[in-house]
Amino acid sequence: MTLFAVDALSVGFGSARASVPVVDAVSFSLAKGETLGLVGESGCGKTVTVMSAIRLLPSPPAQVTGGSVRFDGIDLITAPKAQLRALWGNRIGVVFQNPMTSLNPTFTIGFQLVEALRLHRPVSEPQAREQVMAMLDRVGINSPQRRLQQYPHELSGGLRQRVMIAMALICHPELLIADEPTTALDVTLQAQILDLLRSLRDELGMGILMITHDLGVVAEFCDRVAVMYAGRIVETAAVHELFRAPRHPYTRGLMESIPRMDTARDRPLATIEGMVPAPGRRGAGCAFAERCTRALERCRAEAPSLADDAAHAVACWNPAS
């Protein structure tokens, strides 16, 4: 059953008179209990797409210029703010990219977690504190009672990330959006965070939308993956299929740029030449054409579309076979 569906979503930045397109007709869906990885290099539009879809970006400057978004049958684009507030932090949980800037530095961890719970659940403060301590213990934070009295700056990066996960999960959401949840963490903490999210996903049956640029995280954690470039989805497939046979030249470039243990010491790492075109300067054709070694004349003149019904879909006029 589809839980979250984004259909031809387009987003621009600016005013109503002059809006620069940033996200162009992006479509994907997520089922209950499924994990979808939205992957691409920094600046490709991953976070803007998802935060616009759940209406968390301020408008202006961000404006949804086309498409629709549905969460469990609710149209999020037209939903009133009161209905959105009832969903945010309750049925839709978000782990933001930087926990230090997402947590309020002037309030204790306990105050912020209790507030998040009591906003959506009719519980007393003592009951809320008990549930908060149980969730902190569930996400692997030791001495939860002591942590309630601490401020964000008193915690390590790993603990702050776990606090953000606890806050996102405190109301047992049906959809969890995790925006780079392992960024800036060492590999041990990364593995612990992913194991934690996997176990909570299986326990709560929630869908997870993982925003990341780390293909290693995608390979280990996700069921399906959507590759994004310059505001568009260029390839979608099951994770095992994408890693077995990537078809879009951009996806193949990302794969080839991953450092490997068997790479010769005197051989430089593979790179994708050129730069991502700036919003508003992407032209009529494929945005990747100027960096692509397989580009045809048609690629520069006409943008390829992504098949909606294909198990392995690619938006490319000359994909790898």
C-alpha atoms as a PDB file:
ATOM      1  CA  MET A   1       0.000   0.000   0.000  1.00  0.00           C
ATOM      2  CA  THR A   2       1.378   3.407  -0.996  1.00  0.00           C
ATOM      3  CA  LEU A   3       2.010   5.634   2.006  1.00  0.00           C
ATOM      4  CA  PHE A   4       3.705   8.649   0.436  1.00  0.00           C
ATOM      5  CA  ALA A   5       3.427   9.641  -3.221  1.00  0.00           C
ATOM      6  CA  VAL A   6       5.095  12.565  -4.979  1.00  0.00           C
ATOM      7  CA  ASP A   7       3.781  13.151  -8.495  1.00  0.00           C
ATOM      8  CA  ALA A   8       5.479  15.574 -10.933  1.00  0.00           C
ATOM      9  CA  LEU A   9       6.498  17.952  -8.139  1.00  0.00           C
ATOM     10  CA  SER A  10       8.122  21.177  -9.335  1.00  0.00           C
ATOM     11  CA  VAL A  11       9.582  23.796  -7.007  1.00  0.00           C
ATOM     12  CA  GLY A  12      10.972  27.252  -7.682  1.00  0.00           C
ATOM     13  CA  PHE A  13      12.736  29.865  -5.561  1.00  0.00           C
ATOM     14  CA  GLY A  14      11.912  33.552  -5.730  1.00  0.00           C
ATOM     15  CA  SER A  15       8.753  35.613  -6.008  1.00  0.00           C
ATOM     16  CA  ALA A  16       5.522  34.876  -7.822  1.00  0.00           C
ATOM     17  CA  ARG A  17       6.695  37.135 -10.676  1.00  0.00           C
ATOM     18  CA  ALA A  18      10.207  35.712 -11.023  1.00  0.00           C
ATOM     19  CA  SER A  19      10.703  32.138  -9.859  1.00  0.00           C
ATOM     20  CA  VAL A  20      13.877  30.173 -10.645  1.00  0.00           C
ATOM     21  CA  PRO A  21      13.075  26.455 -11.171  1.00  0.00           C
ATOM     22  CA  VAL A  22      15.009  24.225  -8.776  1.00  0.00           C
ATOM     23  CA  VAL A  23      13.049  20.942  -8.786  1.00  0.00           C
ATOM     24  CA  ASP A  24      11.567  19.756 -12.086  1.00  0.00           C
ATOM     25  CA  ALA A  25       8.658  17.270 -12.219  1.00  0.00           C
ATOM     26  CA  VAL A  26       9.990  14.831  -9.612  1.00  0.00           C
ATOM     27  CA  SER A  27       7.943  11.681  -8.982  1.00  0.00           C
ATOM     28  CA  PHE A  28       8.449   8.798  -6.551  1.00  0.00           C
ATOM     29  CA  SER A  29       6.426   6.759  -4.079  1.00  0.00           C
ATOM     30  CA  LEU A  30       7.007   4.934  -0.812  1.00  0.00           C
ATOM     31  CA  ALA A  31       5.067   2.016   0.659  1.00  0.00           C
ATOM     32  CA  LYS A  32       4.524   1.207   4.318  1.00  0.00           C
ATOM     33  CA  GLY A  33       7.505  -0.628   5.788  1.00  0.00           C
ATOM     34  CA  GLU A  34       9.684   0.254   2.792  1.00  0.00           C
ATOM     35  CA  THR A  35      12.911   2.263   2.676  1.00  0.00           C
ATOM     36  CA  LEU A  36      13.589   4.495  -0.309  1.00  0.00           C
ATOM     37  CA  GLY A  37      16.966   6.150  -0.796  1.00  0.00           C
ATOM     38  CA  LEU A  38      17.039   9.537  -2.534  1.00  0.00           C
ATOM     39  CA  VAL A  39      20.649   9.909  -3.610  1.00  0.00           C
ATOM     40  CA  GLY A  40      22.777  12.434  -5.472  1.00  0.00           C
ATOM     41  CA  GLU A  41      25.638  14.857  -4.946  1.00  0.00           C
ATOM     42  CA  SER A  42      25.267  17.954  -2.774  1.00  0.00           C
ATOM     43  CA  GLY A  43      23.103  20.627  -4.352  1.00  0.00           C
ATOM     44  CA  CYS A  44      21.095  18.330  -6.642  1.00  0.00           C
ATOM     45  CA  GLY A  45      17.801  19.164  -4.907  1.00  0.00           C
ATOM     46  CA  LYS A  46      17.200  16.189  -2.616  1.00  0.00           C
ATOM     47  CA  THR A  47      16.384  18.101   0.561  1.00  0.00           C
ATOM     48  CA  VAL A  48      14.490  20.854  -1.260  1.00  0.00           C
ATOM     49  CA  THR A  49      12.299  18.239  -2.947  1.00  0.00           C
ATOM     50  CA  VAL A  50      11.357  16.411   0.230  1.00  0.00           C
ATOM     51  CA  MET A  51      10.979  19.433   2.512  1.00  0.00           C
ATOM     52  CA  SER A  52       8.838  21.139  -0.136  1.00  0.00           C
ATOM     53  CA  ALA A  53       6.742  17.978  -0.464  1.00  0.00           C
ATOM     54  CA  ILE A  54       5.853  18.025   3.239  1.00  0.00           C
ATOM     55  CA  ARG A  55       5.533  21.850   3.206  1.00  0.00           C
ATOM     56  CA  LEU A  56       8.362  22.559   5.645  1.00  0.00           C
ATOM     57  CA  LEU A  57      10.131  25.147   3.484  1.00  0.00           C
ATOM     58  CA  PRO A  58       8.980  28.768   3.930  1.00  0.00           C
ATOM     59  CA  SER A  59       6.964  30.184   1.054  1.00  0.00           C
ATOM     60  CA  PRO A  60       8.254  32.547  -0.186  1.00  0.00           C
ATOM     61  CA  PRO A  61      11.004  32.026  -1.239  1.00  0.00           C
ATOM     62  CA  ALA A  62      10.209  28.339  -1.964  1.00  0.00           C
ATOM     63  CA  GLN A  63       7.124  27.826  -4.112  1.00  0.00           C
ATOM     64  CA  VAL A  64       5.514  24.633  -5.346  1.00  0.00           C
ATOM     65  CA  THR A  65       4.819  25.424  -8.996  1.00  0.00           C
ATOM     66  CA  GLY A  66       3.325  22.098 -10.070  1.00  0.00           C
ATOM     67  CA  GLY A  67       2.503  18.531  -9.134  1.00  0.00           C
ATOM     68  CA  SER A  68       0.865  16.861  -6.163  1.00  0.00           C
ATOM     69  CA  VAL A  69       1.925  15.136  -2.939  1.00  0.00           C
ATOM     70  CA  ARG A  70      -0.230  12.678  -1.018  1.00  0.00           C
ATOM     71  CA  PHE A  71       0.408  11.166   2.398  1.00  0.00           C
ATOM     72  CA  ASP A  72      -1.984   8.346   3.283  1.00  0.00           C
ATOM     73  CA  GLY A  73      -4.569   9.922   0.986  1.00  0.00           C
ATOM     74  CA  ILE A  74      -4.081  13.481   2.308  1.00  0.00           C
ATOM     75  CA  ASP A  75      -3.149  16.120  -0.273  1.00  0.00           C
ATOM     76  CA  LEU A  76      -0.248  17.910   1.419  1.00  0.00           C
ATOM     77  CA  ILE A  77      -0.029  20.714  -1.153  1.00  0.00           C
ATOM     78  CA  THR A  78      -3.544  21.976  -0.484  1.00  0.00           C
ATOM     79  CA  ALA A  79      -3.815  20.946   3.184  1.00  0.00           C
ATOM     80  CA  PRO A  80      -4.359  23.834   5.635  1.00  0.00           C
ATOM     81  CA  LYS A  81      -1.562  24.689   8.061  1.00  0.00           C
ATOM     82  CA  ALA A  82      -3.528  23.349  11.034  1.00  0.00           C
ATOM     83  CA  GLN A  83      -3.737  19.919   9.417  1.00  0.00           C
ATOM     84  CA  LEU A  84      -0.033  20.008   8.539  1.00  0.00           C
ATOM     85  CA  ARG A  85       0.901  20.853  12.145  1.00  0.00           C
ATOM     86  CA  ALA A  86      -1.097  17.815  13.263  1.00  0.00           C
ATOM     87  CA  LEU A  87       1.014  15.662  10.898  1.00  0.00           C
ATOM     88  CA  TRP A  88       4.493  17.135  11.494  1.00  0.00           C
ATOM     89  CA  GLY A  89       6.221  15.365  14.369  1.00  0.00           C
ATOM     90  CA  ASN A  90       3.241  13.056  14.800  1.00  0.00           C
ATOM     91  CA  ARG A  91       2.503  10.911  11.741  1.00  0.00           C
ATOM     92  CA  ILE A  92       5.482  12.338   9.827  1.00  0.00           C
ATOM     93  CA  GLY A  93       8.798  12.369  11.687  1.00  0.00           C
ATOM     94  CA  VAL A  94      11.896  14.176  10.421  1.00  0.00           C
ATOM     95  CA  VAL A  95      15.552  13.667  11.348  1.00  0.00           C
ATOM     96  CA  PHE A  96      17.180  16.874  10.166  1.00  0.00           C
ATOM     97  CA  GLN A  97      20.659  17.016   8.672  1.00  0.00           C
ATOM     98  CA  ASN A  98      22.408  18.991  11.409  1.00  0.00           C
ATOM     99  CA  PRO A  99      21.270  18.122  14.952  1.00  0.00           C
ATOM    100  CA  MET A 100      23.228  21.010  16.493  1.00  0.00           C
ATOM    101  CA  THR A 101      21.205  23.599  14.585  1.00  0.00           C
ATOM    102  CA  SER A 102      17.947  21.612  14.736  1.00  0.00           C
ATOM    103  CA  LEU A 103      17.903  21.401  18.544  1.00  0.00           C
ATOM    104  CA  ASN A 104      17.255  24.608  20.485  1.00  0.00           C
ATOM    105  CA  PRO A 105      20.473  25.443  22.387  1.00  0.00           C
ATOM    106  CA  THR A 106      18.591  27.371  25.104  1.00  0.00           C
ATOM    107  CA  PHE A 107      16.406  24.471  26.281  1.00  0.00           C
ATOM    108  CA  THR A 108      17.311  21.143  27.829  1.00  0.00           C
ATOM    109  CA  ILE A 109      16.973  17.901  25.914  1.00  0.00           C
ATOM    110  CA  GLY A 110      14.196  16.814  28.267  1.00  0.00           C
ATOM    111  CA  PHE A 111      12.147  19.972  27.741  1.00  0.00           C
ATOM    112  CA  GLN A 112      12.310  19.670  23.963  1.00  0.00           C
ATOM    113  CA  LEU A 113      11.401  15.991  23.869  1.00  0.00           C
ATOM    114  CA  VAL A 114       8.554  16.337  26.378  1.00  0.00           C
ATOM    115  CA  GLU A 115       7.194  19.317  24.454  1.00  0.00           C
ATOM    116  CA  ALA A 116       7.248  17.349  21.186  1.00  0.00           C
ATOM    117  CA  LEU A 117       5.312  14.480  22.776  1.00  0.00           C
ATOM    118  CA  ARG A 118       2.725  16.546  24.657  1.00  0.00           C
ATOM    119  CA  LEU A 119       1.993  18.610  21.561  1.00  0.00           C
ATOM    120  CA  HIS A 120       0.412  15.521  19.955  1.00  0.00           C
ATOM    121  CA  ARG A 121      -0.467  13.204  22.838  1.00  0.00           C
ATOM    122  CA  PRO A 122      -2.826  13.863  25.801  1.00  0.00           C
ATOM    123  CA  VAL A 123      -0.344  12.837  28.510  1.00  0.00           C
ATOM    124  CA  SER A 124       0.753  14.525  31.734  1.00  0.00           C
ATOM    125  CA  GLU A 125       4.296  15.814  32.110  1.00  0.00           C
ATOM    126  CA  PRO A 126       5.377  12.914  34.379  1.00  0.00           C
ATOM    127  CA  GLN A 127       3.941  10.417  31.890  1.00  0.00           C
ATOM    128  CA  ALA A 128       5.680  12.220  29.039  1.00  0.00           C
ATOM    129  CA  ARG A 129       9.025  12.146  30.857  1.00  0.00           C
ATOM    130  CA  GLU A 130       8.671   8.388  31.391  1.00  0.00           C
ATOM    131  CA  GLN A 131       7.967   7.833  27.698  1.00  0.00           C
ATOM    132  CA  VAL A 132      10.836  10.125  26.715  1.00  0.00           C
ATOM    133  CA  MET A 133      13.286   8.240  28.929  1.00  0.00           C
ATOM    134  CA  ALA A 134      12.084   4.948  27.469  1.00  0.00           C
ATOM    135  CA  MET A 135      12.654   6.279  23.930  1.00  0.00           C
ATOM    136  CA  LEU A 136      16.117   7.627  24.814  1.00  0.00           C
ATOM    137  CA  ASP A 137      16.989   4.186  26.146  1.00  0.00           C
ATOM    138  CA  ARG A 138      15.498   2.630  22.994  1.00  0.00           C
ATOM    139  CA  VAL A 139      17.775   4.696  20.749  1.00  0.00           C
ATOM    140  CA  GLY A 140      20.843   3.676  22.752  1.00  0.00           C
ATOM    141  CA  ILE A 141      21.429   6.714  24.983  1.00  0.00           C
ATOM    142  CA  ASN A 142      22.824   5.700  28.343  1.00  0.00           C
ATOM    143  CA  SER A 143      21.737   7.390  31.600  1.00  0.00           C
ATOM    144  CA  PRO A 144      18.589   8.857  30.008  1.00  0.00           C
ATOM    145  CA  GLN A 145      17.470  10.568  33.209  1.00  0.00           C
ATOM    146  CA  ARG A 146      20.725  12.545  33.357  1.00  0.00           C
ATOM    147  CA  ARG A 147      20.524  13.409  29.656  1.00  0.00           C
ATOM    148  CA  LEU A 148      17.138  15.055  30.175  1.00  0.00           C
ATOM    149  CA  GLN A 149      18.846  17.796  32.209  1.00  0.00           C
ATOM    150  CA  GLN A 150      21.569  18.461  29.652  1.00  0.00           C
ATOM    151  CA  TYR A 151      21.702  21.019  26.861  1.00  0.00           C
ATOM    152  CA  PRO A 152      22.547  20.117  23.234  1.00  0.00           C
ATOM    153  CA  HIS A 153      26.087  21.528  23.459  1.00  0.00           C
ATOM    154  CA  GLU A 154      26.856  19.118  26.312  1.00  0.00           C
ATOM    155  CA  LEU A 155      26.315  16.079  24.078  1.00  0.00           C
ATOM    156  CA  SER A 156      28.578  14.577  21.442  1.00  0.00           C
ATOM    157  CA  GLY A 157      27.587  14.578  17.771  1.00  0.00           C
ATOM    158  CA  GLY A 158      26.485  10.959  17.958  1.00  0.00           C
ATOM    159  CA  LEU A 159      24.321  11.557  21.015  1.00  0.00           C
ATOM    160  CA  ARG A 160      22.729  14.642  19.463  1.00  0.00           C
ATOM    161  CA  GLN A 161      21.888  12.582  16.388  1.00  0.00           C
ATOM    162  CA  ARG A 162      20.265   9.938  18.579  1.00  0.00           C
ATOM    163  CA  VAL A 163      18.277  12.650  20.381  1.00  0.00           C
ATOM    164  CA  MET A 164      16.994  13.861  16.993  1.00  0.00           C
ATOM    165  CA  ILE A 165      15.985  10.306  16.113  1.00  0.00           C
ATOM    166  CA  ALA A 166      14.225   9.947  19.489  1.00  0.00           C
ATOM    167  CA  MET A 167      12.349  13.210  18.868  1.00  0.00           C
ATOM    168  CA  ALA A 168      11.316  12.083  15.382  1.00  0.00           C
ATOM    169  CA  LEU A 169      10.092   8.713  16.690  1.00  0.00           C
ATOM    170  CA  ILE A 170       8.531   9.734  19.998  1.00  0.00           C
ATOM    171  CA  CYS A 171       5.007   9.712  18.497  1.00  0.00           C
ATOM    172  CA  HIS A 172       5.600   6.516  16.466  1.00  0.00           C
ATOM    173  CA  PRO A 173       5.243   8.090  12.999  1.00  0.00           C
ATOM    174  CA  GLU A 174       4.129   6.217   9.912  1.00  0.00           C
ATOM    175  CA  LEU A 175       6.666   8.059   7.743  1.00  0.00           C
ATOM    176  CA  LEU A 176      10.220   8.901   8.799  1.00  0.00           C
ATOM    177  CA  ILE A 177      12.271  11.304   6.690  1.00  0.00           C
ATOM    178  CA  ALA A 178      15.974  10.964   7.500  1.00  0.00           C
ATOM    179  CA  ASP A 179      18.077  13.738   5.952  1.00  0.00           C
ATOM    180  CA  GLU A 180      21.738  12.635   5.933  1.00  0.00           C
ATOM    181  CA  PRO A 181      21.359  10.980   9.374  1.00  0.00           C
ATOM    182  CA  THR A 182      24.945   9.638   9.365  1.00  0.00           C
ATOM    183  CA  THR A 183      26.773  12.701   8.011  1.00  0.00           C
ATOM    184  CA  ALA A 184      29.864  13.728  10.048  1.00  0.00           C
ATOM    185  CA  LEU A 185      29.680  10.559  12.157  1.00  0.00           C
ATOM    186  CA  ASP A 186      32.494   8.034  12.291  1.00  0.00           C
ATOM    187  CA  VAL A 187      31.916   4.641  10.692  1.00  0.00           C
ATOM    188  CA  THR A 188      31.143   2.918  14.008  1.00  0.00           C
ATOM    189  CA  LEU A 189      28.424   5.418  14.858  1.00  0.00           C
ATOM    190  CA  GLN A 190      27.121   5.255  11.295  1.00  0.00           C
ATOM    191  CA  ALA A 191      26.643   1.509  11.598  1.00  0.00           C
ATOM    192  CA  GLN A 192      24.923   1.898  14.968  1.00  0.00           C
ATOM    193  CA  ILE A 193      22.519   4.559  13.665  1.00  0.00           C
ATOM    194  CA  LEU A 194      21.598   2.460  10.620  1.00  0.00           C
ATOM    195  CA  ASP A 195      21.058  -0.647  12.771  1.00  0.00           C
ATOM    196  CA  LEU A 196      18.863   1.424  15.069  1.00  0.00           C
ATOM    197  CA  LEU A 197      16.743   2.782  12.211  1.00  0.00           C
ATOM    198  CA  ARG A 198      16.425  -0.682  10.669  1.00  0.00           C
ATOM    199  CA  SER A 199      15.201  -2.253  13.911  1.00  0.00           C
ATOM    200  CA  LEU A 200      12.753   0.597  14.576  1.00  0.00           C
ATOM    201  CA  ARG A 201      11.451   0.371  11.004  1.00  0.00           C
ATOM    202  CA  ASP A 202      10.781  -3.340  11.422  1.00  0.00           C
ATOM    203  CA  GLU A 203       9.259  -2.837  14.867  1.00  0.00           C
ATOM    204  CA  LEU A 204       6.977   0.099  13.992  1.00  0.00           C
ATOM    205  CA  GLY A 205       6.286  -0.796  10.352  1.00  0.00           C
ATOM    206  CA  MET A 206       6.997   2.742   9.186  1.00  0.00           C
ATOM    207  CA  GLY A 207       8.202   3.841   5.779  1.00  0.00           C
ATOM    208  CA  ILE A 208      11.580   5.566   5.657  1.00  0.00           C
ATOM    209  CA  LEU A 209      12.730   8.101   3.084  1.00  0.00           C
ATOM    210  CA  MET A 210      16.516   8.331   3.342  1.00  0.00           C
ATOM    211  CA  ILE A 211      18.136  11.434   1.840  1.00  0.00           C
ATOM    212  CA  THR A 212      21.852  10.861   1.320  1.00  0.00           C
ATOM    213  CA  HIS A 213      24.831  11.241  -0.978  1.00  0.00           C
ATOM    214  CA  ASP A 214      26.460   8.121   0.489  1.00  0.00           C
ATOM    215  CA  LEU A 215      25.982   5.131  -1.816  1.00  0.00           C
ATOM    216  CA  GLY A 216      27.372   2.837   0.867  1.00  0.00           C
ATOM    217  CA  VAL A 217      24.478   3.769   3.151  1.00  0.00           C
ATOM    218  CA  VAL A 218      22.022   3.178   0.297  1.00  0.00           C
ATOM    219  CA  ALA A 219      23.462  -0.250  -0.484  1.00  0.00           C
ATOM    220  CA  GLU A 220      23.284  -1.352   3.141  1.00  0.00           C
ATOM    221  CA  PHE A 221      19.978   0.148   4.222  1.00  0.00           C
ATOM    222  CA  CYS A 222      17.532   0.833   1.390  1.00  0.00           C
ATOM    223  CA  ASP A 223      15.100  -1.326  -0.573  1.00  0.00           C
ATOM    224  CA  ARG A 224      14.807   0.991  -3.575  1.00  0.00           C
ATOM    225  CA  VAL A 225      16.768   3.993  -4.757  1.00  0.00           C
ATOM    226  CA  ALA A 226      16.054   7.109  -6.801  1.00  0.00           C
ATOM    227  CA  VAL A 227      19.072   8.926  -8.238  1.00  0.00           C
ATOM    228  CA  MET A 228      18.698  12.689  -8.544  1.00  0.00           C
ATOM    229  CA  TYR A 229      20.651  15.165 -10.643  1.00  0.00           C
ATOM    230  CA  ALA A 230      20.050  18.913 -11.130  1.00  0.00           C
ATOM    231  CA  GLY A 231      16.525  18.793  -9.754  1.00  0.00           C
ATOM    232  CA  ARG A 232      15.360  15.711 -11.660  1.00  0.00           C
ATOM    233  CA  ILE A 233      15.131  11.977 -11.009  1.00  0.00           C
ATOM    234  CA  VAL A 234      17.385  10.308 -13.590  1.00  0.00           C
ATOM    235  CA  GLU A 235      17.172   6.653 -12.522  1.00  0.00           C
ATOM    236  CA  THR A 236      15.114   4.460 -10.199  1.00  0.00           C
ATOM    237  CA  ALA A 237      15.474   0.772  -9.390  1.00  0.00           C
ATOM    238  CA  ALA A 238      15.670  -1.777  -6.629  1.00  0.00           C
ATOM    239  CA  VAL A 239      18.968  -1.361  -4.801  1.00  0.00           C
ATOM    240  CA  HIS A 240      20.436  -4.705  -5.883  1.00  0.00           C
ATOM    241  CA  GLU A 241      19.515  -4.008  -9.516  1.00  0.00           C
ATOM    242  CA  LEU A 242      20.949  -0.492  -9.499  1.00  0.00           C
ATOM    243  CA  PHE A 243      24.274  -1.640  -8.092  1.00  0.00           C
ATOM    244  CA  ARG A 244      24.387  -4.631 -10.418  1.00  0.00           C
ATOM    245  CA  ALA A 245      23.686  -2.686 -13.602  1.00  0.00           C
ATOM    246  CA  PRO A 246      23.474   1.109 -13.361  1.00  0.00           C
ATOM    247  CA  ARG A 247      22.216   2.501 -16.674  1.00  0.00           C
ATOM    248  CA  HIS A 248      22.363   6.293 -16.464  1.00  0.00           C
ATOM    249  CA  PRO A 249      25.849   7.760 -17.137  1.00  0.00           C
ATOM    250  CA  TYR A 250      25.553   9.901 -13.995  1.00  0.00           C
ATOM    251  CA  THR A 251      24.744   6.880 -11.836  1.00  0.00           C
ATOM    252  CA  ARG A 252      27.674   4.984 -13.350  1.00  0.00           C
ATOM    253  CA  GLY A 253      29.925   7.960 -12.649  1.00  0.00           C
ATOM    254  CA  LEU A 254      28.853   7.968  -9.010  1.00  0.00           C
ATOM    255  CA  MET A 255      29.537   4.246  -8.741  1.00  0.00           C
ATOM    256  CA  GLU A 256      32.976   4.535 -10.340  1.00  0.00           C
ATOM    257  CA  SER A 257      33.982   7.365  -8.024  1.00  0.00           C
ATOM    258  CA  ILE A 258      33.603   5.217  -4.894  1.00  0.00           C
ATOM    259  CA  PRO A 259      37.070   4.447  -3.441  1.00  0.00           C
ATOM    260  CA  ARG A 260      37.857   0.728  -3.406  1.00  0.00           C
ATOM    261  CA  MET A 261      40.424  -1.295  -1.512  1.00  0.00           C
ATOM    262  CA  ASP A 262      41.694  -2.915  -4.709  1.00  0.00           C
ATOM    263  CA  THR A 263      42.341   0.402  -6.500  1.00  0.00           C
ATOM    264  CA  ALA A 264      45.982   0.712  -7.515  1.00  0.00           C
ATOM    265  CA  ARG A 265      47.934   3.213  -5.433  1.00  0.00           C
ATOM    266  CA  ASP A 266      49.259   5.070  -8.459  1.00  0.00           C
ATOM    267  CA  ARG A 267      45.830   5.289 -10.124  1.00  0.00           C
ATOM    268  CA  PRO A 268      43.803   8.445  -9.421  1.00  0.00           C
ATOM    269  CA  LEU A 269      40.229   8.201  -8.232  1.00  0.00           C
ATOM    270  CA  ALA A 270      37.608   8.421 -10.956  1.00  0.00           C
ATOM    271  CA  THR A 271      35.749  11.733 -11.147  1.00  0.00           C
ATOM    272  CA  ILE A 272      32.885  13.245 -13.118  1.00  0.00           C
ATOM    273  CA  GLU A 273      34.302  16.153 -15.073  1.00  0.00           C
ATOM    274  CA  GLY A 274      32.569  19.536 -15.008  1.00  0.00           C
ATOM    275  CA  MET A 275      30.083  21.152 -12.660  1.00  0.00           C
ATOM    276  CA  VAL A 276      26.378  20.841 -11.985  1.00  0.00           C
ATOM    277  CA  PRO A 277      24.559  23.564 -13.982  1.00  0.00           C
ATOM    278  CA  ALA A 278      23.096  26.307 -11.824  1.00  0.00           C
ATOM    279  CA  PRO A 279      19.308  26.564 -11.500  1.00  0.00           C
ATOM    280  CA  GLY A 280      17.915  28.664 -14.307  1.00  0.00           C
ATOM    281  CA  ARG A 281      20.805  27.715 -16.621  1.00  0.00           C
ATOM    282  CA  ARG A 282      19.989  24.097 -17.356  1.00  0.00           C
ATOM    283  CA  GLY A 283      18.812  24.503 -20.928  1.00  0.00           C
ATOM    284  CA  ALA A 284      16.173  22.552 -22.822  1.00  0.00           C
ATOM    285  CA  GLY A 285      17.997  19.217 -22.974  1.00  0.00           C
ATOM    286  CA  CYS A 286      19.422  16.807 -20.433  1.00  0.00           C
ATOM    287  CA  ALA A 287      21.099  18.708 -17.596  1.00  0.00           C
ATOM    288  CA  PHE A 288      23.914  16.125 -17.535  1.00  0.00           C
ATOM    289  CA  ALA A 289      24.704  16.383 -21.263  1.00  0.00           C
ATOM    290  CA  GLU A 290      27.710  18.721 -20.927  1.00  0.00           C
ATOM    291  CA  ARG A 291      29.410  16.325 -18.483  1.00  0.00           C
ATOM    292  CA  CYS A 292      28.396  13.093 -20.197  1.00  0.00           C
ATOM    293  CA  THR A 293      30.716  10.968 -22.337  1.00  0.00           C
ATOM    294  CA  ARG A 294      27.711   9.277 -24.016  1.00  0.00           C
ATOM    295  CA  ALA A 295      25.838  12.471 -24.970  1.00  0.00           C
ATOM    296  CA  LEU A 296      24.145  12.704 -28.365  1.00  0.00           C
ATOM    297  CA  GLU A 297      22.904  15.797 -30.194  1.00  0.00           C
ATOM    298  CA  ARG A 298      19.395  14.902 -29.057  1.00  0.00           C
ATOM    299  CA  CYS A 299      20.555  15.034 -25.419  1.00  0.00           C
ATOM    300  CA  ARG A 300      21.344  18.748 -25.703  1.00  0.00           C
ATOM    301  CA  ALA A 301      18.068  19.580 -27.421  1.00  0.00           C
ATOM    302  CA  GLU A 302      15.440  17.483 -25.656  1.00  0.00           C
ATOM    303  CA  ALA A 303      15.122  16.383 -22.024  1.00  0.00           C
ATOM    304  CA  PRO A 304      14.454  12.631 -21.620  1.00  0.00           C
ATOM    305  CA  SER A 305      11.568  11.506 -19.441  1.00  0.00           C
ATOM    306  CA  LEU A 306      11.496   8.825 -16.772  1.00  0.00           C
ATOM    307  CA  ALA A 307       9.091   5.919 -17.276  1.00  0.00           C
ATOM    308  CA  ASP A 308       6.594   5.754 -14.418  1.00  0.00           C
ATOM    309  CA  ASP A 309       5.830   2.036 -14.582  1.00  0.00           C
ATOM    310  CA  ALA A 310       9.261   0.501 -15.157  1.00  0.00           C
ATOM    311  CA  ALA A 311      10.950  -1.517 -12.405  1.00  0.00           C
ATOM    312  CA  HIS A 312      14.279  -0.071 -13.554  1.00  0.00           C
ATOM    313  CA  ALA A 313      13.585   3.335 -15.118  1.00  0.00           C
ATOM    314  CA  VAL A 314      16.194   5.662 -16.597  1.00  0.00           C
ATOM    315  CA  ALA A 315      15.849   9.160 -18.042  1.00  0.00           C
ATOM    316  CA  CYS A 316      18.475   8.981 -20.790  1.00  0.00           C
ATOM    317  CA  TRP A 317      18.525   8.932 -24.605  1.00  0.00           C
ATOM    318  CA  ASN A 318      21.672   6.772 -24.673  1.00  0.00           C
ATOM    319  CA  PRO A 319      21.733   4.630 -21.511  1.00  0.00           C
ATOM    320  CA  ALA A 320      24.161   1.825 -20.851  1.00  0.00           C
ATOM    321  CA  SER A 321      22.742  -1.592 -21.644  1.00  0.00           C
END
